[in-house]
Amino acid sequence: MALKLQPKFNLWLEVEGQVAFSSWRLALLKAILETGSINSAADRMKVQYRTAWQKVHEMEERLGVKLLDTQIGGQHGGGAKLTPVALAYVDKLSRLQAALEPLVEAQYREIFEAAEQV
């Protein structure tokens, strides 16, 4: 029985050898954008709030920019929204991933399908 393999890749950007932005962190920022909340985004990503907040803080520190505007509690509850800089990073990494996916797929087919014919 032949295996049906599918290529996947994980993209990340580093600053001085430390992860500053990645596919997972992109998904986290998108979840914050969609939910308006770090807590709700953490639930969606199936991680603790503390982990989500830590990853956002690491990104901000390593990129040297503010990524979130937050509001604490109050009558209408707290919330978080992405800054314009964060939205630009989300757009750029999303576009880079979208551009790389067909290249990875094509290389996979070329290398693996050629190997199966040997």
C-alpha atoms as a PDB file:
ATOM      1  CA  MET A   1       0.000   0.000   0.000  1.00  0.00           C
ATOM      2  CA  ALA A   2       1.449   3.369  -1.061  1.00  0.00           C
ATOM      3  CA  LEU A   3       1.545   6.188   1.455  1.00  0.00           C
ATOM      4  CA  LYS A   4      -0.179   9.440   0.566  1.00  0.00           C
ATOM      5  CA  LEU A   5       2.340  11.964   1.810  1.00  0.00           C
ATOM      6  CA  GLN A   6       1.576  15.672   1.835  1.00  0.00           C
ATOM      7  CA  PRO A   7       4.234  18.366   2.162  1.00  0.00           C
ATOM      8  CA  LYS A   8       3.937  20.890   4.987  1.00  0.00           C
ATOM      9  CA  PHE A   9       6.394  23.517   6.048  1.00  0.00           C
ATOM     10  CA  ASN A  10       6.879  25.847   8.979  1.00  0.00           C
ATOM     11  CA  LEU A  11       8.051  29.359   8.224  1.00  0.00           C
ATOM     12  CA  TRP A  12       9.594  31.645  10.794  1.00  0.00           C
ATOM     13  CA  LEU A  13      11.579  34.863  10.841  1.00  0.00           C
ATOM     14  CA  GLU A  14      14.403  35.399  13.300  1.00  0.00           C
ATOM     15  CA  VAL A  15      16.115  38.396  14.830  1.00  0.00           C
ATOM     16  CA  GLU A  16      19.619  37.615  16.097  1.00  0.00           C
ATOM     17  CA  GLY A  17      18.862  33.885  16.192  1.00  0.00           C
ATOM     18  CA  GLN A  18      15.557  34.212  18.083  1.00  0.00           C
ATOM     19  CA  VAL A  19      12.131  33.591  16.583  1.00  0.00           C
ATOM     20  CA  ALA A  20      10.402  36.918  16.027  1.00  0.00           C
ATOM     21  CA  PHE A  21       7.513  35.822  13.808  1.00  0.00           C
ATOM     22  CA  SER A  22       6.291  32.420  12.680  1.00  0.00           C
ATOM     23  CA  SER A  23       3.373  30.586  11.153  1.00  0.00           C
ATOM     24  CA  TRP A  24       2.037  29.813  14.637  1.00  0.00           C
ATOM     25  CA  ARG A  25       2.463  33.394  15.817  1.00  0.00           C
ATOM     26  CA  LEU A  26       0.745  34.572  12.637  1.00  0.00           C
ATOM     27  CA  ALA A  27      -2.208  32.321  13.482  1.00  0.00           C
ATOM     28  CA  LEU A  28      -2.248  33.795  17.003  1.00  0.00           C
ATOM     29  CA  LEU A  29      -2.371  37.362  15.700  1.00  0.00           C
ATOM     30  CA  LYS A  30      -5.123  36.404  13.248  1.00  0.00           C
ATOM     31  CA  ALA A  31      -7.086  34.833  16.116  1.00  0.00           C
ATOM     32  CA  ILE A  32      -6.698  38.035  18.162  1.00  0.00           C
ATOM     33  CA  LEU A  33      -7.843  40.054  15.140  1.00  0.00           C
ATOM     34  CA  GLU A  34     -10.903  37.839  14.682  1.00  0.00           C
ATOM     35  CA  THR A  35     -11.895  37.547  18.350  1.00  0.00           C
ATOM     36  CA  GLY A  36     -10.805  40.941  19.681  1.00  0.00           C
ATOM     37  CA  SER A  37      -9.318  39.225  22.716  1.00  0.00           C
ATOM     38  CA  ILE A  38      -6.057  37.580  23.730  1.00  0.00           C
ATOM     39  CA  ASN A  39      -7.974  35.206  25.987  1.00  0.00           C
ATOM     40  CA  SER A  40     -10.373  34.122  23.229  1.00  0.00           C
ATOM     41  CA  ALA A  41      -7.470  33.779  20.806  1.00  0.00           C
ATOM     42  CA  ALA A  42      -5.617  31.607  23.335  1.00  0.00           C
ATOM     43  CA  ASP A  43      -8.692  29.389  23.683  1.00  0.00           C
ATOM     44  CA  ARG A  44      -8.929  29.089  19.901  1.00  0.00           C
ATOM     45  CA  MET A  45      -5.223  28.197  19.682  1.00  0.00           C
ATOM     46  CA  LYS A  46      -5.633  25.729  22.574  1.00  0.00           C
ATOM     47  CA  VAL A  47      -2.944  27.383  24.708  1.00  0.00           C
ATOM     48  CA  GLN A  48      -3.017  29.148  28.044  1.00  0.00           C
ATOM     49  CA  TYR A  49      -3.594  32.904  28.111  1.00  0.00           C
ATOM     50  CA  ARG A  50      -0.129  33.329  29.624  1.00  0.00           C
ATOM     51  CA  THR A  51       1.484  31.537  26.666  1.00  0.00           C
ATOM     52  CA  ALA A  52      -0.370  33.680  24.139  1.00  0.00           C
ATOM     53  CA  TRP A  53       0.532  36.885  25.948  1.00  0.00           C
ATOM     54  CA  GLN A  54       4.176  35.769  26.265  1.00  0.00           C
ATOM     55  CA  LYS A  55       4.425  35.085  22.510  1.00  0.00           C
ATOM     56  CA  VAL A  56       2.937  38.507  21.689  1.00  0.00           C
ATOM     57  CA  HIS A  57       5.383  40.141  24.105  1.00  0.00           C
ATOM     58  CA  GLU A  58       8.325  38.254  22.539  1.00  0.00           C
ATOM     59  CA  MET A  59       7.263  39.382  19.061  1.00  0.00           C
ATOM     60  CA  GLU A  60       6.978  42.997  20.181  1.00  0.00           C
ATOM     61  CA  GLU A  61      10.347  42.883  21.905  1.00  0.00           C
ATOM     62  CA  ARG A  62      12.192  41.190  19.045  1.00  0.00           C
ATOM     63  CA  LEU A  63      10.554  43.217  16.264  1.00  0.00           C
ATOM     64  CA  GLY A  64      10.886  46.440  18.253  1.00  0.00           C
ATOM     65  CA  VAL A  65       7.278  47.486  17.603  1.00  0.00           C
ATOM     66  CA  LYS A  66       3.955  47.517  19.418  1.00  0.00           C
ATOM     67  CA  LEU A  67       1.626  44.888  17.943  1.00  0.00           C
ATOM     68  CA  LEU A  68      -1.432  45.202  20.176  1.00  0.00           C
ATOM     69  CA  ASP A  69      -3.558  47.944  21.634  1.00  0.00           C
ATOM     70  CA  THR A  70      -5.219  46.494  24.724  1.00  0.00           C
ATOM     71  CA  GLN A  71      -8.044  47.595  26.975  1.00  0.00           C
ATOM     72  CA  ILE A  72      -8.352  46.158  30.472  1.00  0.00           C
ATOM     73  CA  GLY A  73     -11.755  45.092  31.836  1.00  0.00           C
ATOM     74  CA  GLY A  74     -14.245  47.781  32.662  1.00  0.00           C
ATOM     75  CA  GLN A  75     -17.955  48.038  31.923  1.00  0.00           C
ATOM     76  CA  HIS A  76     -17.635  46.680  28.388  1.00  0.00           C
ATOM     77  CA  GLY A  77     -14.916  44.160  29.172  1.00  0.00           C
ATOM     78  CA  GLY A  78     -11.336  44.135  27.998  1.00  0.00           C
ATOM     79  CA  GLY A  79     -10.083  43.578  24.536  1.00  0.00           C
ATOM     80  CA  ALA A  80      -7.183  43.687  22.135  1.00  0.00           C
ATOM     81  CA  LYS A  81      -6.785  44.913  18.617  1.00  0.00           C
ATOM     82  CA  LEU A  82      -3.868  44.760  16.250  1.00  0.00           C
ATOM     83  CA  THR A  83      -1.922  47.924  15.554  1.00  0.00           C
ATOM     84  CA  PRO A  84      -1.382  49.051  11.959  1.00  0.00           C
ATOM     85  CA  VAL A  85       2.161  47.661  12.168  1.00  0.00           C
ATOM     86  CA  ALA A  86       0.825  44.272  13.294  1.00  0.00           C
ATOM     87  CA  LEU A  87      -1.692  44.268  10.445  1.00  0.00           C
ATOM     88  CA  ALA A  88       1.159  44.931   8.010  1.00  0.00           C
ATOM     89  CA  TYR A  89       3.191  42.016   9.435  1.00  0.00           C
ATOM     90  CA  VAL A  90       0.131  39.732   9.235  1.00  0.00           C
ATOM     91  CA  ASP A  91      -0.392  40.728   5.610  1.00  0.00           C
ATOM     92  CA  LYS A  92       3.267  40.292   4.627  1.00  0.00           C
ATOM     93  CA  LEU A  93       3.790  36.905   6.275  1.00  0.00           C
ATOM     94  CA  SER A  94       0.446  35.673   4.936  1.00  0.00           C
ATOM     95  CA  ARG A  95       1.487  36.694   1.425  1.00  0.00           C
ATOM     96  CA  LEU A  96       4.936  35.102   1.838  1.00  0.00           C
ATOM     97  CA  GLN A  97       3.385  31.821   2.993  1.00  0.00           C
ATOM     98  CA  ALA A  98       0.905  31.876   0.120  1.00  0.00           C
ATOM     99  CA  ALA A  99       3.737  32.442  -2.360  1.00  0.00           C
ATOM    100  CA  LEU A 100       5.875  29.635  -0.904  1.00  0.00           C
ATOM    101  CA  GLU A 101       3.179  26.951  -0.654  1.00  0.00           C
ATOM    102  CA  PRO A 102       2.972  26.241  -4.421  1.00  0.00           C
ATOM    103  CA  LEU A 103       6.779  26.216  -4.635  1.00  0.00           C
ATOM    104  CA  VAL A 104       7.018  23.658  -1.821  1.00  0.00           C
ATOM    105  CA  GLU A 105       4.280  21.568  -3.463  1.00  0.00           C
ATOM    106  CA  ALA A 106       6.002  21.686  -6.858  1.00  0.00           C
ATOM    107  CA  GLN A 107       9.389  20.732  -5.427  1.00  0.00           C
ATOM    108  CA  TYR A 108       7.804  17.928  -3.432  1.00  0.00           C
ATOM    109  CA  ARG A 109       6.158  16.481  -6.545  1.00  0.00           C
ATOM    110  CA  GLU A 110       9.363  16.790  -8.556  1.00  0.00           C
ATOM    111  CA  ILE A 111      11.560  15.156  -5.933  1.00  0.00           C
ATOM    112  CA  PHE A 112       9.230  12.544  -4.470  1.00  0.00           C
ATOM    113  CA  GLU A 113       7.388  11.522  -7.625  1.00  0.00           C
ATOM    114  CA  ALA A 114      10.683  11.216  -9.474  1.00  0.00           C
ATOM    115  CA  ALA A 115      11.993   9.026  -6.643  1.00  0.00           C
ATOM    116  CA  GLU A 116       8.933   6.749  -6.860  1.00  0.00           C
ATOM    117  CA  GLN A 117       9.641   6.097 -10.541  1.00  0.00           C
ATOM    118  CA  VAL A 118      13.188   4.907  -9.860  1.00  0.00           C
END
